[in-house]
Amino acid sequence: MSIDMKVNWNLCEGNGVCAAEAPEVFDLDDDDNLLILDEHPDDTLRTKVEAAASACPKRAISLS
């Protein structure tokens, strides 16, 4: 089973907190733009993805 997540690109500032919490799912490019490495991460990464969503200062990541 995979995690249904969405990034609100209008809120995302590319600060990288999510990449620190879930590096298997998020990364930043050389210009500090957020990259989604896995748009449908496996449920085994749920704890990390939830931590990334919670740590986001702009609350740009939502899970359902």
C-alpha atoms as a PDB file:
ATOM      1  CA  MET A   1       0.000   0.000   0.000  1.00  0.00           C
ATOM      2  CA  SER A   2       1.249   3.493  -0.755  1.00  0.00           C
ATOM      3  CA  ILE A   3       0.859   6.834   0.966  1.00  0.00           C
ATOM      4  CA  ASP A   4      -1.360   9.445  -0.684  1.00  0.00           C
ATOM      5  CA  MET A   5       0.447  12.760  -0.248  1.00  0.00           C
ATOM      6  CA  LYS A   6       0.200  16.144  -1.847  1.00  0.00           C
ATOM      7  CA  VAL A   7       2.520  19.145  -1.849  1.00  0.00           C
ATOM      8  CA  ASN A   8       1.006  22.606  -2.050  1.00  0.00           C
ATOM      9  CA  TRP A   9       3.580  24.223  -4.324  1.00  0.00           C
ATOM     10  CA  ASN A  10       2.181  27.692  -3.551  1.00  0.00           C
ATOM     11  CA  LEU A  11       3.197  27.239   0.100  1.00  0.00           C
ATOM     12  CA  CYS A  12       6.459  25.316  -0.307  1.00  0.00           C
ATOM     13  CA  GLU A  13       9.563  27.444   0.315  1.00  0.00           C
ATOM     14  CA  GLY A  14      12.102  24.698  -0.366  1.00  0.00           C
ATOM     15  CA  ASN A  15      13.657  24.931   3.074  1.00  0.00           C
ATOM     16  CA  GLY A  16      14.503  21.215   3.090  1.00  0.00           C
ATOM     17  CA  VAL A  17      13.073  20.177   6.434  1.00  0.00           C
ATOM     18  CA  CYS A  18      11.073  17.451   4.699  1.00  0.00           C
ATOM     19  CA  ALA A  19      14.202  16.155   2.959  1.00  0.00           C
ATOM     20  CA  ALA A  20      15.937  15.863   6.324  1.00  0.00           C
ATOM     21  CA  GLU A  21      13.005  13.891   7.749  1.00  0.00           C
ATOM     22  CA  ALA A  22      12.347  11.636   4.736  1.00  0.00           C
ATOM     23  CA  PRO A  23      15.321  11.657   2.351  1.00  0.00           C
ATOM     24  CA  GLU A  24      13.918   8.645   0.494  1.00  0.00           C
ATOM     25  CA  VAL A  25      10.952  10.764  -0.587  1.00  0.00           C
ATOM     26  CA  PHE A  26      12.127  14.400  -0.722  1.00  0.00           C
ATOM     27  CA  ASP A  27      15.265  16.201  -1.884  1.00  0.00           C
ATOM     28  CA  LEU A  28      16.347  19.679  -2.936  1.00  0.00           C
ATOM     29  CA  ASP A  29      18.006  20.538  -6.222  1.00  0.00           C
ATOM     30  CA  ASP A  30      20.964  22.912  -6.536  1.00  0.00           C
ATOM     31  CA  ASP A  31      18.577  25.897  -6.547  1.00  0.00           C
ATOM     32  CA  ASP A  32      16.780  24.741  -3.373  1.00  0.00           C
ATOM     33  CA  ASN A  33      13.679  23.641  -5.253  1.00  0.00           C
ATOM     34  CA  LEU A  34      11.884  20.702  -3.728  1.00  0.00           C
ATOM     35  CA  LEU A  35      12.099  17.418  -5.609  1.00  0.00           C
ATOM     36  CA  ILE A  36       9.687  14.577  -4.981  1.00  0.00           C
ATOM     37  CA  LEU A  37      11.713  11.389  -5.360  1.00  0.00           C
ATOM     38  CA  ASP A  38       8.742   9.112  -4.759  1.00  0.00           C
ATOM     39  CA  GLU A  39       5.254  10.480  -5.397  1.00  0.00           C
ATOM     40  CA  HIS A  40       3.615   7.382  -3.937  1.00  0.00           C
ATOM     41  CA  PRO A  41       5.912   6.189  -1.152  1.00  0.00           C
ATOM     42  CA  ASP A  42       5.347   2.760   0.298  1.00  0.00           C
ATOM     43  CA  ASP A  43       3.551   2.517   3.618  1.00  0.00           C
ATOM     44  CA  THR A  44       6.829   1.407   5.243  1.00  0.00           C
ATOM     45  CA  LEU A  45       7.900   5.073   4.998  1.00  0.00           C
ATOM     46  CA  ARG A  46       4.742   6.406   6.652  1.00  0.00           C
ATOM     47  CA  THR A  47       6.456   7.429   9.901  1.00  0.00           C
ATOM     48  CA  LYS A  48       9.097   9.425   8.012  1.00  0.00           C
ATOM     49  CA  VAL A  49       6.590  11.048   5.656  1.00  0.00           C
ATOM     50  CA  GLU A  50       4.334  11.993   8.582  1.00  0.00           C
ATOM     51  CA  ALA A  51       7.358  13.503  10.345  1.00  0.00           C
ATOM     52  CA  ALA A  52       8.214  15.461   7.188  1.00  0.00           C
ATOM     53  CA  ALA A  53       4.656  16.790   6.909  1.00  0.00           C
ATOM     54  CA  SER A  54       4.590  17.746  10.589  1.00  0.00           C
ATOM     55  CA  ALA A  55       8.003  19.427  10.439  1.00  0.00           C
ATOM     56  CA  CYS A  56       7.191  21.540   7.381  1.00  0.00           C
ATOM     57  CA  PRO A  57       7.063  25.148   8.632  1.00  0.00           C
ATOM     58  CA  LYS A  58       4.627  26.137   5.873  1.00  0.00           C
ATOM     59  CA  ARG A  59       2.441  22.997   6.237  1.00  0.00           C
ATOM     60  CA  ALA A  60       2.822  22.460   2.495  1.00  0.00           C
ATOM     61  CA  ILE A  61       2.624  18.641   2.706  1.00  0.00           C
ATOM     62  CA  SER A  62      -0.696  16.944   3.292  1.00  0.00           C
ATOM     63  CA  LEU A  63      -1.432  13.246   3.746  1.00  0.00           C
ATOM     64  CA  SER A  64      -4.671  11.388   3.373  1.00  0.00           C
END
